[in-house]
Amino acid sequence: MSSVNTSLKLESITTRLIFTTRRKTKIAYRYLPTKVSKQIVRRVAEAWKAWCRALKDWSGHPEKYLGKPKIPGYKHKERGRNVVIYPKDAISSPLLSRGIVKLSQTNIELTTEANNINQVRIVPKLDHYVIEIVYTVSEPDKFDGKYLAGVDLGLNNLVAITSNHPGIRPLLINGRPLKSINQFFNKRVAKAQSIKACRLVKQLNSKRDRRIDNYLHTVSRRVIDWCQLNEIGQLIIGKNQRWKQALNIGKKNNQEFTNIPHAKLIKLFTSQLAGISVVLTEESYTSKASALDGDYLPNIRAKTEAKVVFNGKRVKRGLYLTSTGRIINADINGSMNIARKVIPDAFEGIEGLPFIPVVLDLWTKITNVAV
C-alpha cells in the first residue's frame, strides 16, 4: 500500500511540475519532444521525493549518513545540463527495425545490434556528451562453478584473489598503473588550475576518467575469465562501510587509496553477465589474522572485552608470517580471510593449495596465464 501511495504522490508532483513548466517556460519546455520533456520533469520530481525520503530517514537514523541530506540544487541558467532521456516512443520505429537508432527531432543516428531497446540517454560529462542505449537482456544462467574465491582490493595490488580450487595459484593484479595515471594527471591539472585554464582542466579530468575506466574494465574482464576457466562460481569481496572516510594509512596513502574507484570495480564485477555470484562482506581483522592457522575472525561491530590475539603477523612490507614459520603474500592471506568471513571452512581439508601468486600482465589473455 505504501508503494502505491508513493507512486501516486510522485505522479501528483510530476503533474504539478509539468503544469508549472508549461506555464512559465513554455518555449524551453516545447523545444524538446513532449515525451522527452516529461522525462526531464519526472527526474526532477524523483530527486525531490528521494530527498524527502532521505531527510525523513536521517531524522530517525542519522548514523546511516555522513551528514544531513542536502536539498536538490538549481541548475545554472546557462551552463546547467541535464540527462536527456528518449523513451522508446521517441525513437523512430521504422529505422529501429533496421538496426538504426534515430532520436526524434534530432540528426542523431546510431547503428546498434541490440534488441529490446527501452530508452536512449544523452548524458553530459565534463567536456563532452555520452549517448547510452539502454536495452533489456535476459538473466544469465548461474555459472556452474563448484569453487569460490576471496577478493582483497588494495592499492599497489589492486586485486588479490585466492580460490579453494586445489592446484590453482592465487592471482595478483597490479594497481600501480592506476596510481601513475592519477599522479600524472594531478600534476597537469594543478598546473592548469594555476593559470585558470578551466577548459583544459575539464579535458584532463575527462581523459583521466577514460583511462581509469579502461583499466578497470580490463581488470574485471580478466578476473571473470579467470573464474570461468577455474570453475569458480562465487566471488567474496571485502568492503567496509565508509572505509575511505575512516581511512588511516598515512597522508600519502590515504590520498592515493581514495583516488582509486574500488566501488566502480565492484560494480563491474557484478554486471559482467557471466552468472558468477558476488558477495560483499566487511573485512575487519582480515589483514591481521592468519588464514593458514585458522585464526578466529571477529566482526568489527562485535563488542569483545578481551583483546584478540592472532597466531601470525606481518614481518615485512607485503609478507605475512604464520605460526609454523611459513611466509606468504600478505594480500593473499587477506583474500583468504575475506572468503573465511562468509564461509569459515572454505579452505579446510584442501590439499595441494599453492600460495605463490601469479602476477597477471593485464594485456595478456587469461588463457595464456600459467596457473
Foldseek 3Di string as FASTA:
>chain_A
DVVVVLVVVLVVQLVVQVVVCCVPPVPVLVVDPVVQSSVQSSVVSVLQSVLVVQQVVCVVPVVVDPDHRDGDDDADPPPGDDKTKAFPVQWDPVVVVVQWTDGHPDPDIDGDPDPAWGIWIWADALQHTDIDTDGDDDQAAAQQFPKAKFWEADAQFRIWIFILQFPDEIETEGRVVLLVLVVVLVVVLVVCVVVPVSVVNSVSVVVSVVVLVVLLLLVLVQVLVVCNVRRHQEYEYADDVCCLVPDDPDDVRSVSGVSRPVVVSLVSNVPVSPNRYYHYDHQPCQLPAALVVLADDDDPPDDDPDDGDHQKGDDDVQWIAGNVGDIAGSSNSSRSVSVCVVPVCSNPPRPNRDGDYDHDDSPDHNVPGDD
